[in-house]
Amino acid sequence: MSKIIIIFMIFMIAAANLSAQEGYIYFNRYDQNRNMEIWRIRPDGSSLEQITNQPGIECSPCTSPDGTILYYIADYNKETAVYSHVLATGAVTRISPVYQEIYDLSISRDGGKILLSGLDPKLPDNDFDIYLMNSDGSGVTRLIANPGPDTFPRLTPDGNSVVFQSERGAGYQIYLYSIQTGKTTRLTSKSQCMAFSPCLTPDGKKILYGLYDRSATSGLYQMDLSGANSKLIYKYPAGELCPTVSPDGRQAVVSILNETHRNQLFAVNLDGSSSRCFTAQDASYIFPYWSN
């Protein structure tokens, strides 16, 4: 039995609790041979499909609002950049400058802007800064720069603010940056903890994020855009990465590091009622993205 058939059967069995949802869930599958490719599947477990199959690494997928164009980070011939991939034709185009490294990528709700966290080899500080550009690759702007890594940028639906993760002397925390005023506000404040991987709900009113705290409960948390009303959604024993929210705002998919040091994808109801792993244990599954 082929590898893709086995993976497909496991997804079909495990994805029953996602069946009412629409769109595709894109993700990276990273196997023991260090192959990292982008796959996608319907929330009901059908239509499992490998999208990329190139010599190199493709990661951090996201799509245009109509789902016709896939954007991702790729490292080809030791050159890291953002690429667009027209799903109907397979046409692939580099749309960003070449960076020393790109940590993460996201797209605005209207599909007009792309945010990335990158290392620019031409700059002396050699930190991950946040860049904003149009989705065709034009108008690249270094938006957020700080002596320390700024990563996981997410643009609010109104286009006025960026939620992101940063290390600014207090461990990794979640911050809000106003594009209009240039003001940065720290949203998480627990000492002796790490807050990371922020993600906005479709209406932009809530932030999902991971919290790691040895003295308290680690897990997937939710808070208001202001940083108020933080609450635990899902408790987990190890690392969590990159939550992505369903188009209707009722569920999230998260990538959780398990005891075998492989990340698996879990579907989590945001009301805390249930969660379920829906990937195989044969590889690591990271960077999930729930498209419309």
C-alpha atoms as a PDB file:
ATOM      1  CA  MET A   1       0.000   0.000   0.000  1.00  0.00           C
ATOM      2  CA  SER A   2       1.446   3.387  -0.997  1.00  0.00           C
ATOM      3  CA  LYS A   3       2.393   6.094   1.493  1.00  0.00           C
ATOM      4  CA  ILE A   4      -0.224   8.544   0.228  1.00  0.00           C
ATOM      5  CA  ILE A   5      -3.035   5.955   0.538  1.00  0.00           C
ATOM      6  CA  ILE A   6      -2.050   5.174   4.127  1.00  0.00           C
ATOM      7  CA  ILE A   7      -1.948   8.877   5.049  1.00  0.00           C
ATOM      8  CA  PHE A   8      -5.287   9.439   3.307  1.00  0.00           C
ATOM      9  CA  MET A   9      -6.974   6.626   5.261  1.00  0.00           C
ATOM     10  CA  ILE A  10      -5.701   8.019   8.573  1.00  0.00           C
ATOM     11  CA  PHE A  11      -6.946  11.512   7.737  1.00  0.00           C
ATOM     12  CA  MET A  12     -10.360  10.192   6.668  1.00  0.00           C
ATOM     13  CA  ILE A  13     -10.802   8.323   9.949  1.00  0.00           C
ATOM     14  CA  ALA A  14      -9.577  11.117  12.204  1.00  0.00           C
ATOM     15  CA  ALA A  15     -11.117  14.219  10.592  1.00  0.00           C
ATOM     16  CA  ALA A  16     -14.759  13.442  11.318  1.00  0.00           C
ATOM     17  CA  ASN A  17     -15.060  16.284  13.807  1.00  0.00           C
ATOM     18  CA  LEU A  18     -14.103  18.789  11.086  1.00  0.00           C
ATOM     19  CA  SER A  19     -16.715  17.631   8.588  1.00  0.00           C
ATOM     20  CA  ALA A  20     -19.042  20.626   8.947  1.00  0.00           C
ATOM     21  CA  GLN A  21     -16.317  23.079   8.017  1.00  0.00           C
ATOM     22  CA  GLU A  22     -15.391  24.446   4.593  1.00  0.00           C
ATOM     23  CA  GLY A  23     -12.191  25.305   2.738  1.00  0.00           C
ATOM     24  CA  TYR A  24      -8.894  23.463   2.862  1.00  0.00           C
ATOM     25  CA  ILE A  25      -6.376  22.905   5.621  1.00  0.00           C
ATOM     26  CA  TYR A  26      -2.875  23.408   4.251  1.00  0.00           C
ATOM     27  CA  PHE A  27       0.133  22.148   6.182  1.00  0.00           C
ATOM     28  CA  ASN A  28       3.750  21.070   5.979  1.00  0.00           C
ATOM     29  CA  ARG A  29       4.676  17.414   6.254  1.00  0.00           C
ATOM     30  CA  TYR A  30       8.265  16.906   7.415  1.00  0.00           C
ATOM     31  CA  ASP A  31       9.387  13.280   7.222  1.00  0.00           C
ATOM     32  CA  GLN A  32      12.389  11.325   8.516  1.00  0.00           C
ATOM     33  CA  ASN A  33      14.245  11.942   5.258  1.00  0.00           C
ATOM     34  CA  ARG A  34      14.042  15.697   5.911  1.00  0.00           C
ATOM     35  CA  ASN A  35      11.613  16.256   3.057  1.00  0.00           C
ATOM     36  CA  MET A  36       9.346  19.236   3.751  1.00  0.00           C
ATOM     37  CA  GLU A  37       6.481  19.687   1.315  1.00  0.00           C
ATOM     38  CA  ILE A  38       3.106  21.412   1.379  1.00  0.00           C
ATOM     39  CA  TRP A  39      -0.060  19.317   1.431  1.00  0.00           C
ATOM     40  CA  ARG A  40      -3.737  20.128   1.791  1.00  0.00           C
ATOM     41  CA  ILE A  41      -6.928  18.322   2.799  1.00  0.00           C
ATOM     42  CA  ARG A  42     -10.605  19.104   3.116  1.00  0.00           C
ATOM     43  CA  PRO A  43     -11.839  19.439   6.721  1.00  0.00           C
ATOM     44  CA  ASP A  44     -13.960  16.318   6.230  1.00  0.00           C
ATOM     45  CA  GLY A  45     -10.813  14.284   5.508  1.00  0.00           C
ATOM     46  CA  SER A  46     -11.310  14.100   1.744  1.00  0.00           C
ATOM     47  CA  SER A  47      -9.171  15.317  -1.158  1.00  0.00           C
ATOM     48  CA  LEU A  48      -5.756  14.835   0.460  1.00  0.00           C
ATOM     49  CA  GLU A  49      -3.271  16.280  -2.015  1.00  0.00           C
ATOM     50  CA  GLN A  50       0.448  17.008  -2.110  1.00  0.00           C
ATOM     51  CA  ILE A  51       0.905  20.484  -3.599  1.00  0.00           C
ATOM     52  CA  THR A  52       4.675  20.976  -3.799  1.00  0.00           C
ATOM     53  CA  ASN A  53       7.342  18.489  -4.823  1.00  0.00           C
ATOM     54  CA  GLN A  54      10.501  20.414  -5.567  1.00  0.00           C
ATOM     55  CA  PRO A  55      14.152  19.942  -4.558  1.00  0.00           C
ATOM     56  CA  GLY A  56      14.252  22.332  -1.628  1.00  0.00           C
ATOM     57  CA  ILE A  57      12.077  23.366   1.287  1.00  0.00           C
ATOM     58  CA  GLU A  58       8.623  24.938   1.028  1.00  0.00           C
ATOM     59  CA  CYS A  59       6.870  26.022   4.210  1.00  0.00           C
ATOM     60  CA  SER A  60       4.427  28.398   5.925  1.00  0.00           C
ATOM     61  CA  PRO A  61       1.551  28.171   3.402  1.00  0.00           C
ATOM     62  CA  CYS A  62      -1.262  30.702   3.110  1.00  0.00           C
ATOM     63  CA  THR A  63      -3.722  31.463   0.313  1.00  0.00           C
ATOM     64  CA  SER A  64      -5.514  34.305  -1.403  1.00  0.00           C
ATOM     65  CA  PRO A  65      -9.091  34.828  -0.122  1.00  0.00           C
ATOM     66  CA  ASP A  66     -10.581  33.030  -3.135  1.00  0.00           C
ATOM     67  CA  GLY A  67      -8.201  30.097  -2.639  1.00  0.00           C
ATOM     68  CA  THR A  68      -6.727  30.259  -6.142  1.00  0.00           C
ATOM     69  CA  ILE A  69      -3.184  31.318  -5.216  1.00  0.00           C
ATOM     70  CA  LEU A  70      -0.946  29.660  -2.656  1.00  0.00           C
ATOM     71  CA  TYR A  71       1.853  31.671  -1.062  1.00  0.00           C
ATOM     72  CA  TYR A  72       4.772  30.099   0.769  1.00  0.00           C
ATOM     73  CA  ILE A  73       8.381  30.451   1.816  1.00  0.00           C
ATOM     74  CA  ALA A  74      10.836  28.409  -0.232  1.00  0.00           C
ATOM     75  CA  ASP A  75      14.559  27.782  -0.049  1.00  0.00           C
ATOM     76  CA  TYR A  76      15.834  26.954  -3.518  1.00  0.00           C
ATOM     77  CA  ASN A  77      19.562  26.791  -4.192  1.00  0.00           C
ATOM     78  CA  LYS A  78      20.266  28.422  -0.800  1.00  0.00           C
ATOM     79  CA  GLU A  79      18.093  31.431  -1.675  1.00  0.00           C
ATOM     80  CA  THR A  80      15.094  32.047   0.594  1.00  0.00           C
ATOM     81  CA  ALA A  81      12.121  34.035  -0.701  1.00  0.00           C
ATOM     82  CA  VAL A  82       8.326  34.178  -0.908  1.00  0.00           C
ATOM     83  CA  TYR A  83       6.701  32.469  -3.872  1.00  0.00           C
ATOM     84  CA  SER A  84       3.221  32.506  -5.375  1.00  0.00           C
ATOM     85  CA  HIS A  85       1.779  29.281  -6.776  1.00  0.00           C
ATOM     86  CA  VAL A  86      -1.274  29.409  -9.043  1.00  0.00           C
ATOM     87  CA  LEU A  87      -3.112  26.240  -8.056  1.00  0.00           C
ATOM     88  CA  ALA A  88      -5.022  25.816 -11.334  1.00  0.00           C
ATOM     89  CA  THR A  89      -1.933  25.945 -13.558  1.00  0.00           C
ATOM     90  CA  GLY A  90       0.958  25.148 -11.215  1.00  0.00           C
ATOM     91  CA  ALA A  91       2.758  28.367 -12.210  1.00  0.00           C
ATOM     92  CA  VAL A  92       5.294  29.372  -9.535  1.00  0.00           C
ATOM     93  CA  THR A  93       6.778  32.880  -9.272  1.00  0.00           C
ATOM     94  CA  ARG A  94       9.209  34.433  -6.804  1.00  0.00           C
ATOM     95  CA  ILE A  95       7.570  37.630  -5.562  1.00  0.00           C
ATOM     96  CA  SER A  96       9.853  38.847  -2.751  1.00  0.00           C
ATOM     97  CA  PRO A  97      13.481  39.838  -2.459  1.00  0.00           C
ATOM     98  CA  VAL A  98      15.895  37.107  -1.378  1.00  0.00           C
ATOM     99  CA  TYR A  99      16.429  36.971   2.382  1.00  0.00           C
ATOM    100  CA  GLN A 100      19.052  35.243   4.467  1.00  0.00           C
ATOM    101  CA  GLU A 101      16.165  33.469   6.178  1.00  0.00           C
ATOM    102  CA  ILE A 102      12.384  33.891   6.491  1.00  0.00           C
ATOM    103  CA  TYR A 103      10.752  32.651   9.669  1.00  0.00           C
ATOM    104  CA  ASP A 104       7.049  33.053   8.956  1.00  0.00           C
ATOM    105  CA  LEU A 105       4.528  34.376   6.461  1.00  0.00           C
ATOM    106  CA  SER A 106       0.923  35.581   6.576  1.00  0.00           C
ATOM    107  CA  ILE A 107      -1.592  37.300   4.308  1.00  0.00           C
ATOM    108  CA  SER A 108      -4.143  40.022   5.042  1.00  0.00           C
ATOM    109  CA  ARG A 109      -7.851  39.209   5.183  1.00  0.00           C
ATOM    110  CA  ASP A 110      -8.496  40.954   1.850  1.00  0.00           C
ATOM    111  CA  GLY A 111      -5.486  39.302   0.205  1.00  0.00           C
ATOM    112  CA  GLY A 112      -3.827  42.587  -0.700  1.00  0.00           C
ATOM    113  CA  LYS A 113      -0.897  42.502   1.748  1.00  0.00           C
ATOM    114  CA  ILE A 114       1.699  39.965   2.849  1.00  0.00           C
ATOM    115  CA  LEU A 115       3.624  40.075   6.121  1.00  0.00           C
ATOM    116  CA  LEU A 116       6.838  38.170   6.713  1.00  0.00           C
ATOM    117  CA  SER A 117       9.534  37.879   9.355  1.00  0.00           C
ATOM    118  CA  GLY A 118      12.897  37.932   7.633  1.00  0.00           C
ATOM    119  CA  LEU A 119      16.625  38.345   7.992  1.00  0.00           C
ATOM    120  CA  ASP A 120      17.886  40.832   5.425  1.00  0.00           C
ATOM    121  CA  PRO A 121      21.518  39.969   4.542  1.00  0.00           C
ATOM    122  CA  LYS A 122      22.184  43.615   3.667  1.00  0.00           C
ATOM    123  CA  LEU A 123      21.457  44.835   7.206  1.00  0.00           C
ATOM    124  CA  PRO A 124      24.095  44.722   9.959  1.00  0.00           C
ATOM    125  CA  ASP A 125      21.837  43.903  12.942  1.00  0.00           C
ATOM    126  CA  ASN A 126      21.025  40.382  11.677  1.00  0.00           C
ATOM    127  CA  ASP A 127      17.691  40.119  13.523  1.00  0.00           C
ATOM    128  CA  PHE A 128      14.331  38.911  12.299  1.00  0.00           C
ATOM    129  CA  ASP A 129      12.365  42.023  11.378  1.00  0.00           C
ATOM    130  CA  ILE A 130       8.809  42.279  10.079  1.00  0.00           C
ATOM    131  CA  TYR A 131       8.257  43.349   6.475  1.00  0.00           C
ATOM    132  CA  LEU A 132       5.041  44.392   4.744  1.00  0.00           C
ATOM    133  CA  MET A 133       4.504  44.155   0.992  1.00  0.00           C
ATOM    134  CA  ASN A 134       1.747  43.960  -1.578  1.00  0.00           C
ATOM    135  CA  SER A 135       0.679  40.459  -2.557  1.00  0.00           C
ATOM    136  CA  ASP A 136       2.294  40.899  -5.975  1.00  0.00           C
ATOM    137  CA  GLY A 137       5.630  41.540  -4.231  1.00  0.00           C
ATOM    138  CA  SER A 138       5.744  45.302  -4.771  1.00  0.00           C
ATOM    139  CA  GLY A 139       6.096  48.000  -2.120  1.00  0.00           C
ATOM    140  CA  VAL A 140       8.320  46.124   0.351  1.00  0.00           C
ATOM    141  CA  THR A 141       8.590  48.038   3.639  1.00  0.00           C
ATOM    142  CA  ARG A 142      10.577  47.192   6.775  1.00  0.00           C
ATOM    143  CA  LEU A 143       7.724  47.736   9.202  1.00  0.00           C
ATOM    144  CA  ILE A 144       8.927  46.558  12.625  1.00  0.00           C
ATOM    145  CA  ALA A 145      12.589  46.465  13.651  1.00  0.00           C
ATOM    146  CA  ASN A 146      13.830  45.775  17.152  1.00  0.00           C
ATOM    147  CA  PRO A 147      17.102  44.540  18.726  1.00  0.00           C
ATOM    148  CA  GLY A 148      15.732  41.005  18.953  1.00  0.00           C
ATOM    149  CA  PRO A 149      13.620  38.677  16.810  1.00  0.00           C
ATOM    150  CA  ASP A 150      10.136  39.828  15.754  1.00  0.00           C
ATOM    151  CA  THR A 151       8.150  36.927  14.301  1.00  0.00           C
ATOM    152  CA  PHE A 152       4.662  35.532  13.549  1.00  0.00           C
ATOM    153  CA  PRO A 153       3.146  38.808  12.245  1.00  0.00           C
ATOM    154  CA  ARG A 154      -0.619  38.894  11.713  1.00  0.00           C
ATOM    155  CA  LEU A 155      -2.428  41.893  10.224  1.00  0.00           C
ATOM    156  CA  THR A 156      -5.770  42.871  11.761  1.00  0.00           C
ATOM    157  CA  PRO A 157      -8.733  42.836   9.310  1.00  0.00           C
ATOM    158  CA  ASP A 158      -8.906  46.654   9.248  1.00  0.00           C
ATOM    159  CA  GLY A 159      -5.247  46.774   8.165  1.00  0.00           C
ATOM    160  CA  ASN A 160      -4.301  49.177  10.954  1.00  0.00           C
ATOM    161  CA  SER A 161      -2.368  46.939  13.356  1.00  0.00           C
ATOM    162  CA  VAL A 162      -0.035  43.956  13.486  1.00  0.00           C
ATOM    163  CA  VAL A 163      -0.079  41.284  16.188  1.00  0.00           C
ATOM    164  CA  PHE A 164       3.270  39.562  16.541  1.00  0.00           C
ATOM    165  CA  GLN A 165       5.655  37.651  18.793  1.00  0.00           C
ATOM    166  CA  SER A 166       8.868  39.259  20.031  1.00  0.00           C
ATOM    167  CA  GLU A 167      11.708  38.774  22.477  1.00  0.00           C
ATOM    168  CA  ARG A 168      12.427  42.116  24.141  1.00  0.00           C
ATOM    169  CA  GLY A 169      14.157  41.162  27.362  1.00  0.00           C
ATOM    170  CA  ALA A 170      11.170  39.433  28.980  1.00  0.00           C
ATOM    171  CA  GLY A 171      11.123  36.181  27.035  1.00  0.00           C
ATOM    172  CA  TYR A 172       8.824  35.757  24.064  1.00  0.00           C
ATOM    173  CA  GLN A 173       5.621  37.774  24.467  1.00  0.00           C
ATOM    174  CA  ILE A 174       2.758  38.945  22.253  1.00  0.00           C
ATOM    175  CA  TYR A 175       2.710  42.558  21.066  1.00  0.00           C
ATOM    176  CA  LEU A 176       0.395  44.848  19.091  1.00  0.00           C
ATOM    177  CA  TYR A 177       1.897  47.379  16.671  1.00  0.00           C
ATOM    178  CA  SER A 178      -0.111  50.308  15.315  1.00  0.00           C
ATOM    179  CA  ILE A 179       0.768  51.042  11.682  1.00  0.00           C
ATOM    180  CA  GLN A 180      -0.823  54.481  11.980  1.00  0.00           C
ATOM    181  CA  THR A 181       1.061  55.674  15.085  1.00  0.00           C
ATOM    182  CA  GLY A 182       4.107  53.367  15.212  1.00  0.00           C
ATOM    183  CA  LYS A 183       3.286  52.543  18.849  1.00  0.00           C
ATOM    184  CA  THR A 184       3.971  49.022  20.166  1.00  0.00           C
ATOM    185  CA  THR A 185       1.959  47.617  23.091  1.00  0.00           C
ATOM    186  CA  ARG A 186       2.798  44.473  25.007  1.00  0.00           C
ATOM    187  CA  LEU A 187      -0.330  42.316  25.377  1.00  0.00           C
ATOM    188  CA  THR A 188       0.900  39.406  27.523  1.00  0.00           C
ATOM    189  CA  SER A 189       2.430  40.086  30.903  1.00  0.00           C
ATOM    190  CA  LYS A 190       2.902  36.868  32.854  1.00  0.00           C
ATOM    191  CA  SER A 191       6.419  36.641  34.269  1.00  0.00           C
ATOM    192  CA  GLN A 192       8.456  33.450  33.955  1.00  0.00           C
ATOM    193  CA  CYS A 193       6.471  32.330  30.904  1.00  0.00           C
ATOM    194  CA  MET A 194       6.648  32.377  27.122  1.00  0.00           C
ATOM    195  CA  ALA A 195       3.761  33.537  24.923  1.00  0.00           C
ATOM    196  CA  PHE A 196       4.064  32.788  21.240  1.00  0.00           C
ATOM    197  CA  SER A 197       2.468  31.980  17.841  1.00  0.00           C
ATOM    198  CA  PRO A 198      -0.364  34.549  17.789  1.00  0.00           C
ATOM    199  CA  CYS A 199      -3.278  34.117  15.405  1.00  0.00           C
ATOM    200  CA  LEU A 200      -6.344  36.296  14.880  1.00  0.00           C
ATOM    201  CA  THR A 201      -9.918  35.080  14.711  1.00  0.00           C
ATOM    202  CA  PRO A 202     -11.667  35.939  11.395  1.00  0.00           C
ATOM    203  CA  ASP A 203     -13.446  38.961  12.919  1.00  0.00           C
ATOM    204  CA  GLY A 204     -10.161  40.269  14.341  1.00  0.00           C
ATOM    205  CA  LYS A 205     -11.566  40.622  17.856  1.00  0.00           C
ATOM    206  CA  LYS A 206      -9.680  37.739  19.500  1.00  0.00           C
ATOM    207  CA  ILE A 207      -6.090  36.481  19.515  1.00  0.00           C
ATOM    208  CA  LEU A 208      -5.190  32.823  19.905  1.00  0.00           C
ATOM    209  CA  TYR A 209      -1.694  32.089  21.163  1.00  0.00           C
ATOM    210  CA  GLY A 210       0.441  29.505  22.881  1.00  0.00           C
ATOM    211  CA  LEU A 211       1.544  29.927  26.490  1.00  0.00           C
ATOM    212  CA  TYR A 212       4.327  27.917  28.072  1.00  0.00           C
ATOM    213  CA  ASP A 213       4.582  28.288  31.845  1.00  0.00           C
ATOM    214  CA  ARG A 214       6.309  25.755  34.093  1.00  0.00           C
ATOM    215  CA  SER A 215       4.536  27.072  37.177  1.00  0.00           C
ATOM    216  CA  ALA A 216       1.017  27.172  35.708  1.00  0.00           C
ATOM    217  CA  THR A 217      -1.075  25.688  32.910  1.00  0.00           C
ATOM    218  CA  SER A 218       0.506  25.640  29.459  1.00  0.00           C
ATOM    219  CA  GLY A 219      -1.703  25.450  26.416  1.00  0.00           C
ATOM    220  CA  LEU A 220      -3.662  27.285  23.768  1.00  0.00           C
ATOM    221  CA  TYR A 221      -5.061  30.563  25.090  1.00  0.00           C
ATOM    222  CA  GLN A 222      -7.433  33.218  23.779  1.00  0.00           C
ATOM    223  CA  MET A 223      -7.552  36.924  24.630  1.00  0.00           C
ATOM    224  CA  ASP A 224      -9.135  40.124  23.361  1.00  0.00           C
ATOM    225  CA  LEU A 225      -7.238  42.272  20.880  1.00  0.00           C
ATOM    226  CA  SER A 226      -6.497  44.614  23.782  1.00  0.00           C
ATOM    227  CA  GLY A 227      -4.848  41.786  25.761  1.00  0.00           C
ATOM    228  CA  ALA A 228      -7.737  41.527  28.232  1.00  0.00           C
ATOM    229  CA  ASN A 229      -9.785  38.466  29.176  1.00  0.00           C
ATOM    230  CA  SER A 230      -7.129  35.822  28.605  1.00  0.00           C
ATOM    231  CA  LYS A 231      -8.440  32.279  29.062  1.00  0.00           C
ATOM    232  CA  LEU A 232      -7.253  28.730  28.494  1.00  0.00           C
ATOM    233  CA  ILE A 233      -8.837  26.950  25.510  1.00  0.00           C
ATOM    234  CA  TYR A 234      -6.842  23.734  25.389  1.00  0.00           C
ATOM    235  CA  LYS A 235      -4.232  22.329  27.766  1.00  0.00           C
ATOM    236  CA  TYR A 236      -1.248  20.537  26.262  1.00  0.00           C
ATOM    237  CA  PRO A 237       1.868  18.970  27.811  1.00  0.00           C
ATOM    238  CA  ALA A 238       4.500  20.118  25.333  1.00  0.00           C
ATOM    239  CA  GLY A 239       5.183  22.739  22.667  1.00  0.00           C
ATOM    240  CA  GLU A 240       2.465  24.247  20.482  1.00  0.00           C
ATOM    241  CA  LEU A 241       2.911  25.990  17.163  1.00  0.00           C
ATOM    242  CA  CYS A 242       0.932  28.109  14.710  1.00  0.00           C
ATOM    243  CA  PRO A 243      -2.793  28.003  15.501  1.00  0.00           C
ATOM    244  CA  THR A 244      -5.079  28.653  12.548  1.00  0.00           C
ATOM    245  CA  VAL A 245      -8.800  29.377  12.878  1.00  0.00           C
ATOM    246  CA  SER A 246     -11.652  28.040  10.761  1.00  0.00           C
ATOM    247  CA  PRO A 247     -13.489  30.562   8.553  1.00  0.00           C
ATOM    248  CA  ASP A 248     -16.524  30.483  10.870  1.00  0.00           C
ATOM    249  CA  GLY A 249     -14.371  31.092  13.968  1.00  0.00           C
ATOM    250  CA  ARG A 250     -15.549  27.991  15.849  1.00  0.00           C
ATOM    251  CA  GLN A 251     -12.506  25.736  15.583  1.00  0.00           C
ATOM    252  CA  ALA A 252      -8.743  25.914  15.359  1.00  0.00           C
ATOM    253  CA  VAL A 253      -6.076  23.570  14.113  1.00  0.00           C
ATOM    254  CA  VAL A 254      -2.819  23.561  16.072  1.00  0.00           C
ATOM    255  CA  SER A 255       0.491  21.763  15.674  1.00  0.00           C
ATOM    256  CA  ILE A 256       1.584  20.177  18.948  1.00  0.00           C
ATOM    257  CA  LEU A 257       4.936  18.576  19.734  1.00  0.00           C
ATOM    258  CA  ASN A 258       4.303  15.127  21.189  1.00  0.00           C
ATOM    259  CA  GLU A 259       6.404  12.809  23.336  1.00  0.00           C
ATOM    260  CA  THR A 260       8.140  11.359  20.243  1.00  0.00           C
ATOM    261  CA  HIS A 261       9.272  14.871  19.256  1.00  0.00           C
ATOM    262  CA  ARG A 262       6.999  14.947  16.225  1.00  0.00           C
ATOM    263  CA  ASN A 263       4.437  17.664  15.723  1.00  0.00           C
ATOM    264  CA  GLN A 264       0.882  16.474  15.117  1.00  0.00           C
ATOM    265  CA  LEU A 265      -2.183  18.437  14.036  1.00  0.00           C
ATOM    266  CA  PHE A 266      -5.089  18.723  16.454  1.00  0.00           C
ATOM    267  CA  ALA A 267      -8.555  20.128  15.832  1.00  0.00           C
ATOM    268  CA  VAL A 268      -9.754  22.140  18.832  1.00  0.00           C
ATOM    269  CA  ASN A 269     -13.208  23.567  19.449  1.00  0.00           C
ATOM    270  CA  LEU A 270     -12.757  27.139  20.665  1.00  0.00           C
ATOM    271  CA  ASP A 271     -15.458  26.676  23.271  1.00  0.00           C
ATOM    272  CA  GLY A 272     -13.149  24.077  24.854  1.00  0.00           C
ATOM    273  CA  SER A 273     -15.617  21.231  24.364  1.00  0.00           C
ATOM    274  CA  SER A 274     -13.354  18.827  22.470  1.00  0.00           C
ATOM    275  CA  SER A 275     -10.081  18.241  20.662  1.00  0.00           C
ATOM    276  CA  ARG A 276      -8.743  15.483  18.467  1.00  0.00           C
ATOM    277  CA  CYS A 277      -5.528  14.582  16.674  1.00  0.00           C
ATOM    278  CA  PHE A 278      -6.107  13.979  12.961  1.00  0.00           C
ATOM    279  CA  THR A 279      -2.618  13.232  11.613  1.00  0.00           C
ATOM    280  CA  ALA A 280      -0.510  10.101  11.443  1.00  0.00           C
ATOM    281  CA  GLN A 281       2.524   9.525  13.651  1.00  0.00           C
ATOM    282  CA  ASP A 282       4.780   8.872  10.656  1.00  0.00           C
ATOM    283  CA  ALA A 283       6.097  12.430  10.316  1.00  0.00           C
ATOM    284  CA  SER A 284       5.889  15.934  11.738  1.00  0.00           C
ATOM    285  CA  TYR A 285       3.017  18.141  10.637  1.00  0.00           C
ATOM    286  CA  ILE A 286       3.592  21.870  11.048  1.00  0.00           C
ATOM    287  CA  PHE A 287       2.474  25.326   9.829  1.00  0.00           C
ATOM    288  CA  PRO A 288      -1.253  24.591   9.407  1.00  0.00           C
ATOM    289  CA  TYR A 289      -3.322  27.158   7.531  1.00  0.00           C
ATOM    290  CA  TRP A 290      -7.114  27.040   7.200  1.00  0.00           C
ATOM    291  CA  SER A 291      -8.199  28.655   3.927  1.00  0.00           C
ATOM    292  CA  ASN A 292     -11.653  29.885   2.956  1.00  0.00           C
END
